[in-house]
PDB file of N, CA and C in Angstrom:
ATOM      1  N   UNK A   1     108.273 135.031  83.273  1.00  0.00           N
ATOM      2  CA  UNK A   1     107.053 135.661  83.265  1.00  0.00           C
ATOM      3  C   UNK A   1     105.908 134.542  83.029  1.00  0.00           C
ATOM      4  N   UNK A   2     106.370 133.537  82.361  1.00  0.00           N
ATOM      5  CA  UNK A   2     105.137 132.446  82.026  1.00  0.00           C
ATOM      6  C   UNK A   2     104.811 131.857  83.298  1.00  0.00           C
ATOM      7  N   UNK A   3     105.853 131.675  84.250  1.00  0.00           N
ATOM      8  CA  UNK A   3     105.575 130.721  85.417  1.00  0.00           C
ATOM      9  C   UNK A   3     104.698 131.588  86.372  1.00  0.00           C
ATOM     10  N   UNK A   4     104.563 132.773  86.179  1.00  0.00           N
ATOM     11  CA  UNK A   4     103.588 133.724  87.063  1.00  0.00           C
ATOM     12  C   UNK A   4     102.736 134.125  86.604  1.00  0.00           C
ATOM     13  N   UNK A   5     101.632 133.406  85.778  1.00  0.00           N
ATOM     14  CA  UNK A   5     100.659 133.905  85.256  1.00  0.00           C
ATOM     15  C   UNK A   5      99.469 134.257  86.270  1.00  0.00           C
ATOM     16  N   UNK A   6      98.983 135.736  86.025  1.00  0.00           N
ATOM     17  CA  UNK A   6      97.873 136.045  86.926  1.00  0.00           C
ATOM     18  C   UNK A   6      96.624 135.537  86.860  1.00  0.00           C
ATOM     19  N   UNK A   7      95.812 135.224  87.949  1.00  0.00           N
ATOM     20  CA  UNK A   7      94.836 134.462  87.921  1.00  0.00           C
ATOM     21  C   UNK A   7      93.752 134.656  86.533  1.00  0.00           C
ATOM     22  N   UNK A   8      93.711 135.685  86.112  1.00  0.00           N
ATOM     23  CA  UNK A   8      92.886 135.842  84.692  1.00  0.00           C
ATOM     24  C   UNK A   8      93.201 135.042  83.587  1.00  0.00           C
ATOM     25  N   UNK A   9      94.659 134.818  83.628  1.00  0.00           N
ATOM     26  CA  UNK A   9      95.366 134.175  82.481  1.00  0.00           C
ATOM     27  C   UNK A   9      94.916 132.678  82.426  1.00  0.00           C
ATOM     28  N   UNK A  10      94.637 132.063  83.824  1.00  0.00           N
ATOM     29  CA  UNK A  10      94.593 130.808  83.724  1.00  0.00           C
ATOM     30  C   UNK A  10      93.053 130.611  83.554  1.00  0.00           C
ATOM     31  N   UNK A  11      92.086 131.242  83.311  1.00  0.00           N
ATOM     32  CA  UNK A  11      90.967 131.086  83.384  1.00  0.00           C
ATOM     33  C   UNK A  11      90.448 130.171  82.075  1.00  0.00           C
ATOM     34  N   UNK A  12      91.040 130.360  80.888  1.00  0.00           N
ATOM     35  CA  UNK A  12      91.122 129.443  79.718  1.00  0.00           C
ATOM     36  C   UNK A  12      91.226 127.868  80.146  1.00  0.00           C
ATOM     37  N   UNK A  13      92.056 127.650  81.081  1.00  0.00           N
ATOM     38  CA  UNK A  13      92.740 126.207  81.785  1.00  0.00           C
ATOM     39  C   UNK A  13      91.327 125.787  82.370  1.00  0.00           C
ATOM     40  N   UNK A  14      90.528 126.677  83.353  1.00  0.00           N
ATOM     41  CA  UNK A  14      89.423 126.260  83.753  1.00  0.00           C
ATOM     42  C   UNK A  14      88.414 126.015  83.139  1.00  0.00           C
ATOM     43  N   UNK A  15      88.133 127.135  82.255  1.00  0.00           N
ATOM     44  CA  UNK A  15      86.952 126.757  81.296  1.00  0.00           C
ATOM     45  C   UNK A  15      86.995 125.416  80.535  1.00  0.00           C
ATOM     46  N   UNK A  16      88.320 124.959  80.048  1.00  0.00           N
ATOM     47  CA  UNK A  16      88.432 123.726  79.344  1.00  0.00           C
ATOM     48  C   UNK A  16      88.286 122.567  80.046  1.00  0.00           C
ATOM     49  N   UNK A  17      88.728 122.915  81.363  1.00  0.00           N
ATOM     50  CA  UNK A  17      88.522 121.612  82.303  1.00  0.00           C
ATOM     51  C   UNK A  17      87.053 121.297  82.503  1.00  0.00           C
ATOM     52  N   UNK A  18      86.183 122.487  82.418  1.00  0.00           N
ATOM     53  CA  UNK A  18      84.738 122.016  82.603  1.00  0.00           C
ATOM     54  C   UNK A  18      84.124 121.421  81.587  1.00  0.00           C
ATOM     55  N   UNK A  19      84.846 121.741  80.342  1.00  0.00           N
ATOM     56  CA  UNK A  19      83.921 120.995  79.348  1.00  0.00           C
ATOM     57  C   UNK A  19      84.685 119.843  78.645  1.00  0.00           C
ATOM     58  N   UNK A  20      85.692 119.519  79.408  1.00  0.00           N
ATOM     59  CA  UNK A  20      86.800 118.614  78.777  1.00  0.00           C
ATOM     60  C   UNK A  20      85.965 117.077  78.444  1.00  0.00           C
ATOM     61  N   UNK A  21      85.338 116.601  79.238  1.00  0.00           N
ATOM     62  CA  UNK A  21      84.460 115.483  79.052  1.00  0.00           C
ATOM     63  C   UNK A  21      83.411 115.518  77.990  1.00  0.00           C
ATOM     64  N   UNK A  22      82.930 116.437  77.573  1.00  0.00           N
ATOM     65  CA  UNK A  22      82.045 116.976  76.508  1.00  0.00           C
ATOM     66  C   UNK A  22      82.391 116.835  75.034  1.00  0.00           C
ATOM     67  N   UNK A  23      83.684 116.802  74.923  1.00  0.00           N
ATOM     68  CA  UNK A  23      84.420 116.854  73.400  1.00  0.00           C
ATOM     69  C   UNK A  23      85.482 116.091  73.364  1.00  0.00           C
ATOM     70  N   UNK A  24      85.774 115.714  72.181  1.00  0.00           N
ATOM     71  CA  UNK A  24      86.995 114.669  71.742  1.00  0.00           C
ATOM     72  C   UNK A  24      87.992 115.651  71.596  1.00  0.00           C
ATOM     73  N   UNK A  25      87.790 116.653  70.966  1.00  0.00           N
ATOM     74  CA  UNK A  25      88.857 117.873  70.544  1.00  0.00           C
ATOM     75  C   UNK A  25      88.231 119.221  70.801  1.00  0.00           C
ATOM     76  N   UNK A  26      89.266 120.156  71.306  1.00  0.00           N
ATOM     77  CA  UNK A  26      88.677 121.668  71.272  1.00  0.00           C
ATOM     78  C   UNK A  26      89.862 122.310  70.371  1.00  0.00           C
ATOM     79  N   UNK A  27      89.864 123.079  69.643  1.00  0.00           N
ATOM     80  CA  UNK A  27      90.694 123.685  68.676  1.00  0.00           C
ATOM     81  C   UNK A  27      90.621 125.078  69.212  1.00  0.00           C
ATOM     82  N   UNK A  28      91.755 125.751  69.461  1.00  0.00           N
ATOM     83  CA  UNK A  28      92.060 127.016  69.802  1.00  0.00           C
ATOM     84  C   UNK A  28      92.525 127.740  68.732  1.00  0.00           C
ATOM     85  N   UNK A  29      91.790 128.710  68.082  1.00  0.00           N
ATOM     86  CA  UNK A  29      92.456 129.322  66.756  1.00  0.00           C
ATOM     87  C   UNK A  29      93.152 130.652  67.551  1.00  0.00           C
ATOM     88  N   UNK A  30      94.558 131.032  67.594  1.00  0.00           N
ATOM     89  CA  UNK A  30      95.032 132.156  67.953  1.00  0.00           C
ATOM     90  C   UNK A  30      95.496 133.062  66.967  1.00  0.00           C
ATOM     91  N   UNK A  31      95.490 134.311  67.342  1.00  0.00           N
ATOM     92  CA  UNK A  31      96.159 135.560  66.378  1.00  0.00           C
ATOM     93  C   UNK A  31      97.563 135.081  65.749  1.00  0.00           C
ATOM     94  N   UNK A  32      98.106 135.264  64.729  1.00  0.00           N
ATOM     95  CA  UNK A  32      99.424 135.197  64.332  1.00  0.00           C
ATOM     96  C   UNK A  32     100.357 135.753  65.294  1.00  0.00           C
ATOM     97  N   UNK A  33     101.574 135.049  65.439  1.00  0.00           N
ATOM     98  CA  UNK A  33     102.569 135.706  66.496  1.00  0.00           C
ATOM     99  C   UNK A  33     102.271 134.973  67.696  1.00  0.00           C
ATOM    100  N   UNK A  34     103.287 135.279  68.595  1.00  0.00           N
ATOM    101  CA  UNK A  34     103.341 134.959  69.903  1.00  0.00           C
ATOM    102  C   UNK A  34     102.892 135.626  71.053  1.00  0.00           C
ATOM    103  N   UNK A  35     101.629 136.275  70.695  1.00  0.00           N
ATOM    104  CA  UNK A  35     101.108 137.576  71.612  1.00  0.00           C
ATOM    105  C   UNK A  35     100.488 136.808  72.944  1.00  0.00           C
ATOM    106  N   UNK A  36      99.717 137.792  73.533  1.00  0.00           N
ATOM    107  CA  UNK A  36      99.264 137.207  74.862  1.00  0.00           C
ATOM    108  C   UNK A  36      98.097 136.252  74.641  1.00  0.00           C
ATOM    109  N   UNK A  37      97.559 136.272  73.622  1.00  0.00           N
ATOM    110  CA  UNK A  37      96.316 135.337  73.344  1.00  0.00           C
ATOM    111  C   UNK A  37      97.019 133.687  72.993  1.00  0.00           C
ATOM    112  N   UNK A  38      98.016 133.925  72.560  1.00  0.00           N
ATOM    113  CA  UNK A  38      98.846 132.753  71.698  1.00  0.00           C
ATOM    114  C   UNK A  38      99.385 132.053  73.114  1.00  0.00           C
ATOM    115  N   UNK A  39      99.957 132.855  74.070  1.00  0.00           N
ATOM    116  CA  UNK A  39     100.567 132.138  75.366  1.00  0.00           C
ATOM    117  C   UNK A  39      99.722 131.863  76.356  1.00  0.00           C
ATOM    118  N   UNK A  40      98.552 132.243  76.444  1.00  0.00           N
ATOM    119  CA  UNK A  40      97.264 131.905  77.234  1.00  0.00           C
ATOM    120  C   UNK A  40      96.785 130.302  76.780  1.00  0.00           C
ATOM    121  N   UNK A  41      96.658 130.506  75.335  1.00  0.00           N
ATOM    122  CA  UNK A  41      96.304 129.275  74.666  1.00  0.00           C
ATOM    123  C   UNK A  41      97.392 127.993  74.810  1.00  0.00           C
ATOM    124  N   UNK A  42      98.615 128.390  74.847  1.00  0.00           N
ATOM    125  CA  UNK A  42      99.706 127.393  74.974  1.00  0.00           C
ATOM    126  C   UNK A  42      99.668 126.760  76.395  1.00  0.00           C
ATOM    127  N   UNK A  43      99.446 127.710  77.337  1.00  0.00           N
ATOM    128  CA  UNK A  43      99.196 127.093  78.578  1.00  0.00           C
ATOM    129  C   UNK A  43      98.217 126.290  78.870  1.00  0.00           C
ATOM    130  N   UNK A  44      97.190 126.302  78.122  1.00  0.00           N
ATOM    131  CA  UNK A  44      95.612 125.587  78.389  1.00  0.00           C
ATOM    132  C   UNK A  44      95.613 124.317  77.385  1.00  0.00           C
ATOM    133  N   UNK A  45      96.766 124.148  76.538  1.00  0.00           N
ATOM    134  CA  UNK A  45      96.493 123.114  75.512  1.00  0.00           C
ATOM    135  C   UNK A  45      97.541 121.887  76.033  1.00  0.00           C
ATOM    136  N   UNK A  46      96.938 121.043  75.002  1.00  0.00           N
ATOM    137  CA  UNK A  46      97.874 119.609  75.263  1.00  0.00           C
ATOM    138  C   UNK A  46      98.783 119.431  74.049  1.00  0.00           C
ATOM    139  N   UNK A  47      98.074 119.932  72.913  1.00  0.00           N
ATOM    140  CA  UNK A  47      98.971 119.692  71.586  1.00  0.00           C
ATOM    141  C   UNK A  47      98.734 121.096  70.921  1.00  0.00           C
ATOM    142  N   UNK A  48      99.847 121.217  69.964  1.00  0.00           N
ATOM    143  CA  UNK A  48     100.212 122.522  69.070  1.00  0.00           C
ATOM    144  C   UNK A  48     100.313 121.769  67.498  1.00  0.00           C
ATOM    145  N   UNK A  49      99.556 122.511  66.733  1.00  0.00           N
ATOM    146  CA  UNK A  49      99.683 122.407  65.547  1.00  0.00           C
ATOM    147  C   UNK A  49      99.819 123.709  64.933  1.00  0.00           C
ATOM    148  N   UNK A  50     100.862 124.006  64.209  1.00  0.00           N
ATOM    149  CA  UNK A  50     101.016 125.173  63.635  1.00  0.00           C
ATOM    150  C   UNK A  50     100.957 125.629  62.296  1.00  0.00           C
ATOM    151  N   UNK A  51     100.207 126.458  61.591  1.00  0.00           N
ATOM    152  CA  UNK A  51     100.247 126.561  60.026  1.00  0.00           C
ATOM    153  C   UNK A  51     101.567 127.295  59.538  1.00  0.00           C
ATOM    154  N   UNK A  52     102.152 127.238  58.501  1.00  0.00           N
ATOM    155  CA  UNK A  52     103.026 127.755  57.999  1.00  0.00           C
ATOM    156  C   UNK A  52     103.166 128.136  56.573  1.00  0.00           C
ATOM    157  N   UNK A  53     103.465 129.180  56.079  1.00  0.00           N
ATOM    158  CA  UNK A  53     103.454 129.367  54.649  1.00  0.00           C
ATOM    159  C   UNK A  53     104.799 128.781  53.879  1.00  0.00           C
ATOM    160  N   UNK A  54     104.425 128.537  52.816  1.00  0.00           N
ATOM    161  CA  UNK A  54     105.666 127.948  52.001  1.00  0.00           C
ATOM    162  C   UNK A  54     106.471 128.881  51.502  1.00  0.00           C
ATOM    163  N   UNK A  55     106.956 129.770  52.161  1.00  0.00           N
ATOM    164  CA  UNK A  55     108.049 130.805  51.796  1.00  0.00           C
ATOM    165  C   UNK A  55     109.193 130.603  52.871  1.00  0.00           C
ATOM    166  N   UNK A  56     110.336 131.170  52.358  1.00  0.00           N
ATOM    167  CA  UNK A  56     111.511 131.098  52.962  1.00  0.00           C
ATOM    168  C   UNK A  56     111.451 131.692  54.443  1.00  0.00           C
ATOM    169  N   UNK A  57     111.067 132.881  54.477  1.00  0.00           N
ATOM    170  CA  UNK A  57     111.051 133.592  55.740  1.00  0.00           C
ATOM    171  C   UNK A  57     110.126 132.824  56.918  1.00  0.00           C
ATOM    172  N   UNK A  58     109.149 132.273  56.174  1.00  0.00           N
ATOM    173  CA  UNK A  58     108.199 131.688  57.063  1.00  0.00           C
ATOM    174  C   UNK A  58     108.793 130.647  57.755  1.00  0.00           C
ATOM    175  N   UNK A  59     109.618 129.697  56.827  1.00  0.00           N
ATOM    176  CA  UNK A  59     110.183 128.591  57.416  1.00  0.00           C
ATOM    177  C   UNK A  59     111.402 129.063  58.475  1.00  0.00           C
ATOM    178  N   UNK A  60     111.977 130.028  58.183  1.00  0.00           N
ATOM    179  CA  UNK A  60     112.877 130.544  59.091  1.00  0.00           C
ATOM    180  C   UNK A  60     112.340 130.947  60.508  1.00  0.00           C
ATOM    181  N   UNK A  61     111.173 131.594  60.635  1.00  0.00           N
ATOM    182  CA  UNK A  61     110.622 132.042  61.504  1.00  0.00           C
ATOM    183  C   UNK A  61     109.927 130.798  62.312  1.00  0.00           C
ATOM    184  N   UNK A  62     109.878 129.729  61.672  1.00  0.00           N
ATOM    185  CA  UNK A  62     109.229 128.395  62.296  1.00  0.00           C
ATOM    186  C   UNK A  62     109.938 128.145  63.425  1.00  0.00           C
ATOM    187  N   UNK A  63     111.384 128.388  63.671  1.00  0.00           N
ATOM    188  CA  UNK A  63     112.299 128.117  64.792  1.00  0.00           C
ATOM    189  C   UNK A  63     111.547 128.730  65.961  1.00  0.00           C
ATOM    190  N   UNK A  64     111.207 130.004  65.859  1.00  0.00           N
ATOM    191  CA  UNK A  64     110.715 130.843  66.909  1.00  0.00           C
ATOM    192  C   UNK A  64     109.489 130.215  67.805  1.00  0.00           C
ATOM    193  N   UNK A  65     108.762 129.670  66.727  1.00  0.00           N
ATOM    194  CA  UNK A  65     107.403 128.967  67.458  1.00  0.00           C
ATOM    195  C   UNK A  65     107.921 127.711  68.211  1.00  0.00           C
ATOM    196  N   UNK A  66     108.949 126.785  67.542  1.00  0.00           N
ATOM    197  CA  UNK A  66     109.414 125.675  68.370  1.00  0.00           C
ATOM    198  C   UNK A  66     110.033 126.210  69.557  1.00  0.00           C
ATOM    199  N   UNK A  67     110.878 127.199  69.733  1.00  0.00           N
ATOM    200  CA  UNK A  67     111.462 127.739  70.742  1.00  0.00           C
ATOM    201  C   UNK A  67     110.436 127.999  71.866  1.00  0.00           C
ATOM    202  N   UNK A  68     109.452 128.701  71.303  1.00  0.00           N
ATOM    203  CA  UNK A  68     108.370 129.353  72.200  1.00  0.00           C
ATOM    204  C   UNK A  68     107.682 128.264  72.921  1.00  0.00           C
ATOM    205  N   UNK A  69     107.256 127.165  72.322  1.00  0.00           N
ATOM    206  CA  UNK A  69     106.575 125.981  72.785  1.00  0.00           C
ATOM    207  C   UNK A  69     107.236 125.332  73.778  1.00  0.00           C
ATOM    208  N   UNK A  70     108.759 125.244  73.357  1.00  0.00           N
ATOM    209  CA  UNK A  70     109.520 124.513  74.338  1.00  0.00           C
ATOM    210  C   UNK A  70     109.623 125.220  75.679  1.00  0.00           C
ATOM    211  N   UNK A  71     109.839 126.468  75.695  1.00  0.00           N
ATOM    212  CA  UNK A  71     109.786 127.336  76.777  1.00  0.00           C
ATOM    213  C   UNK A  71     108.505 127.274  77.700  1.00  0.00           C
ATOM    214  N   UNK A  72     107.373 127.308  77.034  1.00  0.00           N
ATOM    215  CA  UNK A  72     106.067 127.150  77.611  1.00  0.00           C
ATOM    216  C   UNK A  72     106.022 125.628  78.387  1.00  0.00           C
ATOM    217  N   UNK A  73     106.566 124.562  77.573  1.00  0.00           N
ATOM    218  CA  UNK A  73     106.342 123.318  78.248  1.00  0.00           C
ATOM    219  C   UNK A  73     107.306 123.175  79.389  1.00  0.00           C
ATOM    220  N   UNK A  74     108.564 123.767  79.431  1.00  0.00           N
ATOM    221  CA  UNK A  74     109.621 123.618  80.370  1.00  0.00           C
ATOM    222  C   UNK A  74     109.115 124.532  81.757  1.00  0.00           C
ATOM    223  N   UNK A  75     108.392 125.521  81.416  1.00  0.00           N
ATOM    224  CA  UNK A  75     108.063 126.579  82.756  1.00  0.00           C
ATOM    225  C   UNK A  75     106.911 126.419  83.114  1.00  0.00           C
ATOM    226  N   UNK A  76     105.513 125.971  82.372  1.00  0.00           N
ATOM    227  CA  UNK A  76     104.477 126.112  82.765  1.00  0.00           C
ATOM    228  C   UNK A  76     103.510 124.809  82.603  1.00  0.00           C
ATOM    229  N   UNK A  77     103.639 124.312  81.391  1.00  0.00           N
ATOM    230  CA  UNK A  77     102.838 123.143  80.933  1.00  0.00           C
ATOM    231  C   UNK A  77     103.485 122.018  80.245  1.00  0.00           C
ATOM    232  N   UNK A  78     103.926 121.349  81.271  1.00  0.00           N
ATOM    233  CA  UNK A  78     104.831 120.037  80.908  1.00  0.00           C
ATOM    234  C   UNK A  78     104.130 119.079  79.896  1.00  0.00           C
ATOM    235  N   UNK A  79     102.939 119.113  79.773  1.00  0.00           N
ATOM    236  CA  UNK A  79     102.172 117.957  79.120  1.00  0.00           C
ATOM    237  C   UNK A  79     102.119 118.746  77.433  1.00  0.00           C
ATOM    238  N   UNK A  80     102.388 119.763  77.061  1.00  0.00           N
ATOM    239  CA  UNK A  80     102.458 120.416  75.893  1.00  0.00           C
ATOM    240  C   UNK A  80     103.222 119.655  74.992  1.00  0.00           C
ATOM    241  N   UNK A  81     102.745 119.288  73.795  1.00  0.00           N
ATOM    242  CA  UNK A  81     103.395 118.526  72.682  1.00  0.00           C
ATOM    243  C   UNK A  81     103.000 119.107  71.408  1.00  0.00           C
ATOM    244  N   UNK A  82     104.441 119.412  70.729  1.00  0.00           N
ATOM    245  CA  UNK A  82     104.184 119.941  69.443  1.00  0.00           C
ATOM    246  C   UNK A  82     103.964 118.702  68.384  1.00  0.00           C
ATOM    247  N   UNK A  83     102.905 118.803  67.803  1.00  0.00           N
ATOM    248  CA  UNK A  83     102.594 117.689  66.505  1.00  0.00           C
ATOM    249  C   UNK A  83     103.036 118.044  65.040  1.00  0.00           C
ATOM    250  N   UNK A  84     103.313 119.331  65.174  1.00  0.00           N
ATOM    251  CA  UNK A  84     103.710 119.618  63.771  1.00  0.00           C
ATOM    252  C   UNK A  84     103.445 120.931  62.996  1.00  0.00           C
ATOM    253  N   UNK A  85     103.749 121.102  61.626  1.00  0.00           N
ATOM    254  CA  UNK A  85     103.239 122.288  60.963  1.00  0.00           C
ATOM    255  C   UNK A  85     102.222 121.939  59.815  1.00  0.00           C
ATOM    256  N   UNK A  86     101.320 122.826  59.632  1.00  0.00           N
ATOM    257  CA  UNK A  86     100.427 122.323  58.209  1.00  0.00           C
ATOM    258  C   UNK A  86     100.763 123.399  57.443  1.00  0.00           C
ATOM    259  N   UNK A  87     101.063 122.984  56.318  1.00  0.00           N
ATOM    260  CA  UNK A  87     101.716 124.079  55.225  1.00  0.00           C
ATOM    261  C   UNK A  87     100.387 124.520  54.625  1.00  0.00           C
ATOM    262  N   UNK A  88     100.215 125.997  54.566  1.00  0.00           N
ATOM    263  CA  UNK A  88      99.394 126.822  53.970  1.00  0.00           C
ATOM    264  C   UNK A  88      99.639 127.448  52.545  1.00  0.00           C
TER     265      UNK A  88
END
């Protein structure tokens, strides 16, 4: 599914390309979870930093985030790099 993005899903990539030289960093704040908005943002991003709560369940769920970032990197966005978690 990730490898077959419809044209409207690549719009964020196009917008970021247009403004890339104007900014040192662009942060994309996504909703919690791995929904459509997060998928689109990962396809358009170079780096990922993910917030995580200091709770056992959150730590266990963090593996889902890492797995998903790896899938996006392998299928669509080879430049995507996971930088780490920010504890909230």
